C-alpha atoms as a PDB file:
ATOM      1  CA  UNK A   1      -6.474  43.680  -5.399  1.00  0.00           C
ATOM      2  CA  UNK A   2      -6.093  40.759  -7.779  1.00  0.00           C
ATOM      3  CA  UNK A   3      -3.432  38.208  -7.045  1.00  0.00           C
ATOM      4  CA  UNK A   4      -1.262  36.871  -9.801  1.00  0.00           C
ATOM      5  CA  UNK A   5      -1.102  33.102  -9.980  1.00  0.00           C
ATOM      6  CA  UNK A   6       2.379  31.682 -10.141  1.00  0.00           C
ATOM      7  CA  UNK A   7       3.185  29.812 -13.341  1.00  0.00           C
ATOM      8  CA  UNK A   8       2.830  26.047 -13.366  1.00  0.00           C
ATOM      9  CA  UNK A   9       6.146  24.278 -13.773  1.00  0.00           C
ATOM     10  CA  UNK A  10       6.065  20.782 -15.191  1.00  0.00           C
ATOM     11  CA  UNK A  11       8.748  18.340 -14.138  1.00  0.00           C
ATOM     12  CA  UNK A  12       9.657  15.146 -15.906  1.00  0.00           C
ATOM     13  CA  UNK A  13      10.273  12.035 -13.852  1.00  0.00           C
ATOM     14  CA  UNK A  14      11.556   8.689 -15.025  1.00  0.00           C
ATOM     15  CA  UNK A  15       9.248   5.670 -14.791  1.00  0.00           C
ATOM     16  CA  UNK A  16       9.541   3.529 -11.676  1.00  0.00           C
ATOM     17  CA  UNK A  17      10.610   0.375 -13.502  1.00  0.00           C
ATOM     18  CA  UNK A  18      12.495  -0.927 -10.462  1.00  0.00           C
ATOM     19  CA  UNK A  19       9.234  -0.769  -8.516  1.00  0.00           C
ATOM     20  CA  UNK A  20       7.012  -2.252 -11.217  1.00  0.00           C
ATOM     21  CA  UNK A  21       9.475  -5.053 -11.981  1.00  0.00           C
ATOM     22  CA  UNK A  22       9.363  -6.146  -8.322  1.00  0.00           C
ATOM     23  CA  UNK A  23       5.600  -6.790  -8.562  1.00  0.00           C
ATOM     24  CA  UNK A  24       4.560  -9.936 -10.466  1.00  0.00           C
ATOM     25  CA  UNK A  25       2.168  -9.555 -13.405  1.00  0.00           C
ATOM     26  CA  UNK A  26       0.650 -13.026 -12.825  1.00  0.00           C
ATOM     27  CA  UNK A  27       0.432 -15.492  -9.946  1.00  0.00           C
ATOM     28  CA  UNK A  28      -0.296 -19.209  -9.980  1.00  0.00           C
ATOM     29  CA  UNK A  29      -3.405 -20.311  -8.068  1.00  0.00           C
ATOM     30  CA  UNK A  30      -3.762 -24.071  -8.365  1.00  0.00           C
ATOM     31  CA  UNK A  31      -3.744 -24.946 -12.070  1.00  0.00           C
ATOM     32  CA  UNK A  32      -4.688 -21.500 -13.299  1.00  0.00           C
ATOM     33  CA  UNK A  33      -2.774 -18.292 -13.714  1.00  0.00           C
ATOM     34  CA  UNK A  34      -4.291 -15.076 -12.329  1.00  0.00           C
ATOM     35  CA  UNK A  35      -3.427 -11.624 -13.670  1.00  0.00           C
ATOM     36  CA  UNK A  36      -2.345  -9.165 -10.966  1.00  0.00           C
ATOM     37  CA  UNK A  37      -3.926  -5.716 -11.259  1.00  0.00           C
ATOM     38  CA  UNK A  38      -2.594  -2.748  -9.280  1.00  0.00           C
ATOM     39  CA  UNK A  39      -5.665  -1.308  -7.557  1.00  0.00           C
ATOM     40  CA  UNK A  40      -4.510   1.228  -4.940  1.00  0.00           C
ATOM     41  CA  UNK A  41      -1.568   3.555  -4.385  1.00  0.00           C
ATOM     42  CA  UNK A  42      -0.269   5.897  -1.692  1.00  0.00           C
ATOM     43  CA  UNK A  43       3.132   7.499  -1.168  1.00  0.00           C
ATOM     44  CA  UNK A  44       5.059   9.533   1.351  1.00  0.00           C
ATOM     45  CA  UNK A  45       8.708  10.481   1.759  1.00  0.00           C
ATOM     46  CA  UNK A  46       9.682   7.045   3.067  1.00  0.00           C
ATOM     47  CA  UNK A  47       7.413   4.517   1.323  1.00  0.00           C
ATOM     48  CA  UNK A  48       5.397   3.717  -1.775  1.00  0.00           C
ATOM     49  CA  UNK A  49       2.441   1.428  -1.002  1.00  0.00           C
ATOM     50  CA  UNK A  50       0.688  -0.447  -3.815  1.00  0.00           C
ATOM     51  CA  UNK A  51      -2.427  -2.579  -3.357  1.00  0.00           C
ATOM     52  CA  UNK A  52      -3.321  -5.374  -5.763  1.00  0.00           C
ATOM     53  CA  UNK A  53      -6.267  -7.399  -6.999  1.00  0.00           C
ATOM     54  CA  UNK A  54      -4.923 -10.547  -5.302  1.00  0.00           C
ATOM     55  CA  UNK A  55      -5.003  -9.059  -1.794  1.00  0.00           C
ATOM     56  CA  UNK A  56      -1.275  -8.450  -1.600  1.00  0.00           C
ATOM     57  CA  UNK A  57       0.159  -5.152  -0.361  1.00  0.00           C
ATOM     58  CA  UNK A  58       3.520  -4.221  -1.847  1.00  0.00           C
ATOM     59  CA  UNK A  59       5.474  -1.743   0.257  1.00  0.00           C
ATOM     60  CA  UNK A  60       8.590  -0.189  -1.251  1.00  0.00           C
ATOM     61  CA  UNK A  61      11.025   1.509   1.145  1.00  0.00           C
ATOM     62  CA  UNK A  62      12.641   4.443  -0.632  1.00  0.00           C
ATOM     63  CA  UNK A  63      15.606   4.633   1.761  1.00  0.00           C
ATOM     64  CA  UNK A  64      16.561   0.946   1.612  1.00  0.00           C
ATOM     65  CA  UNK A  65      15.412   0.349  -2.000  1.00  0.00           C
ATOM     66  CA  UNK A  66      13.593  -2.755  -0.752  1.00  0.00           C
ATOM     67  CA  UNK A  67      10.195  -4.222  -1.599  1.00  0.00           C
ATOM     68  CA  UNK A  68       8.210  -6.060   1.078  1.00  0.00           C
ATOM     69  CA  UNK A  69       4.943  -7.964   0.661  1.00  0.00           C
ATOM     70  CA  UNK A  70       2.085  -8.175   3.146  1.00  0.00           C
ATOM     71  CA  UNK A  71      -1.169 -10.084   2.761  1.00  0.00           C
ATOM     72  CA  UNK A  72      -4.406 -11.064   4.428  1.00  0.00           C
ATOM     73  CA  UNK A  73      -4.003 -14.650   5.573  1.00  0.00           C
ATOM     74  CA  UNK A  74      -6.205 -17.055   3.668  1.00  0.00           C
ATOM     75  CA  UNK A  75      -7.963 -14.310   1.731  1.00  0.00           C
ATOM     76  CA  UNK A  76      -7.528 -13.358  -1.914  1.00  0.00           C
ATOM     77  CA  UNK A  77      -9.701 -10.259  -2.056  1.00  0.00           C
ATOM     78  CA  UNK A  78      -8.922  -7.093  -3.946  1.00  0.00           C
ATOM     79  CA  UNK A  79      -7.367  -4.183  -2.069  1.00  0.00           C
ATOM     80  CA  UNK A  80      -9.401  -1.077  -2.847  1.00  0.00           C
ATOM     81  CA  UNK A  81      -7.628   1.572  -0.772  1.00  0.00           C
ATOM     82  CA  UNK A  82      -4.215   2.096   0.839  1.00  0.00           C
ATOM     83  CA  UNK A  83      -3.243   4.876   3.242  1.00  0.00           C
ATOM     84  CA  UNK A  84       0.227   5.556   4.685  1.00  0.00           C
ATOM     85  CA  UNK A  85       0.640   7.407   7.980  1.00  0.00           C
ATOM     86  CA  UNK A  86       3.922   8.560   9.475  1.00  0.00           C
ATOM     87  CA  UNK A  87       3.722   9.449  13.145  1.00  0.00           C
ATOM     88  CA  UNK A  88       5.590   7.921  16.090  1.00  0.00           C
ATOM     89  CA  UNK A  89       5.523   4.648  14.140  1.00  0.00           C
ATOM     90  CA  UNK A  90       4.916   4.122  10.432  1.00  0.00           C
ATOM     91  CA  UNK A  91       1.448   2.714   9.739  1.00  0.00           C
ATOM     92  CA  UNK A  92      -0.237   1.377   6.610  1.00  0.00           C
ATOM     93  CA  UNK A  93      -4.026   1.036   6.514  1.00  0.00           C
ATOM     94  CA  UNK A  94      -5.532  -1.252   3.874  1.00  0.00           C
ATOM     95  CA  UNK A  95      -9.187  -1.529   2.820  1.00  0.00           C
ATOM     96  CA  UNK A  96     -10.626  -4.368   0.729  1.00  0.00           C
ATOM     97  CA  UNK A  97     -13.551  -4.972  -1.598  1.00  0.00           C
ATOM     98  CA  UNK A  98     -15.396  -7.008   1.052  1.00  0.00           C
ATOM     99  CA  UNK A  99     -15.170  -4.282   3.714  1.00  0.00           C
ATOM    100  CA  UNK A 100     -12.219  -5.566   5.721  1.00  0.00           C
ATOM    101  CA  UNK A 101      -9.680  -3.087   7.075  1.00  0.00           C
ATOM    102  CA  UNK A 102      -6.215  -3.956   8.349  1.00  0.00           C
ATOM    103  CA  UNK A 103      -3.646  -1.625   9.863  1.00  0.00           C
ATOM    104  CA  UNK A 104      -0.005  -2.690   9.692  1.00  0.00           C
ATOM    105  CA  UNK A 105       2.422  -1.179  12.204  1.00  0.00           C
ATOM    106  CA  UNK A 106       5.772  -1.363  10.439  1.00  0.00           C
ATOM    107  CA  UNK A 107       9.122  -2.346  11.912  1.00  0.00           C
ATOM    108  CA  UNK A 108      11.385   0.567  12.829  1.00  0.00           C
ATOM    109  CA  UNK A 109      15.169   0.476  13.093  1.00  0.00           C
ATOM    110  CA  UNK A 110      15.198   3.392  15.544  1.00  0.00           C
ATOM    111  CA  UNK A 111      15.865   2.608  19.225  1.00  0.00           C
ATOM    112  CA  UNK A 112      12.774   2.266  21.397  1.00  0.00           C
ATOM    113  CA  UNK A 113      10.455   1.788  18.415  1.00  0.00           C
ATOM    114  CA  UNK A 114       8.478  -1.190  17.105  1.00  0.00           C
ATOM    115  CA  UNK A 115      10.785  -4.179  16.457  1.00  0.00           C
ATOM    116  CA  UNK A 116       8.260  -6.550  14.876  1.00  0.00           C
ATOM    117  CA  UNK A 117       5.460  -6.192  12.358  1.00  0.00           C
ATOM    118  CA  UNK A 118       2.023  -5.913  13.945  1.00  0.00           C
ATOM    119  CA  UNK A 119      -1.300  -6.226  12.191  1.00  0.00           C
ATOM    120  CA  UNK A 120      -4.624  -5.012  13.546  1.00  0.00           C
ATOM    121  CA  UNK A 121      -7.761  -6.302  11.797  1.00  0.00           C
ATOM    122  CA  UNK A 122     -11.106  -4.523  11.672  1.00  0.00           C
ATOM    123  CA  UNK A 123     -13.644  -7.053  10.424  1.00  0.00           C
ATOM    124  CA  UNK A 124     -17.425  -7.274  10.470  1.00  0.00           C
ATOM    125  CA  UNK A 125     -18.088  -3.530  10.671  1.00  0.00           C
ATOM    126  CA  UNK A 126     -18.259  -2.586   6.991  1.00  0.00           C
ATOM    127  CA  UNK A 127     -20.619  -4.420   4.649  1.00  0.00           C
ATOM    128  CA  UNK A 128     -19.376  -2.966   1.359  1.00  0.00           C
ATOM    129  CA  UNK A 129     -16.145  -1.996  -0.367  1.00  0.00           C
ATOM    130  CA  UNK A 130     -13.749   0.386   1.404  1.00  0.00           C
ATOM    131  CA  UNK A 131     -13.301   3.478  -0.771  1.00  0.00           C
ATOM    132  CA  UNK A 132     -11.527   5.871   1.610  1.00  0.00           C
ATOM    133  CA  UNK A 133      -9.434   5.778   4.779  1.00  0.00           C
ATOM    134  CA  UNK A 134      -8.470   8.786   6.876  1.00  0.00           C
END
């Protein structure tokens, strides 16, 4: 018995200008200006995570309409992959072009949950660019 495929329904969404306007297009590094490229993206019901070519992670909270920035201290390497995970705590995993991985445990406003940002670094294991995180 052949099954009938349901029709595809296209939906139109407005551009996320409020999100894009919160991310700079250029940054100043010494005397030169560096163009910021958006290199990685992941979303869930609570957050939109955007990785950049300058090693900065931009995390937009959909409930609070707030943008937060996280970076690798002292490093300006391109973020190649971003993965959001919602479980007991909200986590963001970030992979870079040099093989570094960092996992950010985000602050939660719920009682008994994480009250400060924590970062866990995984360095020296990967020798090439991170292309996927599970």
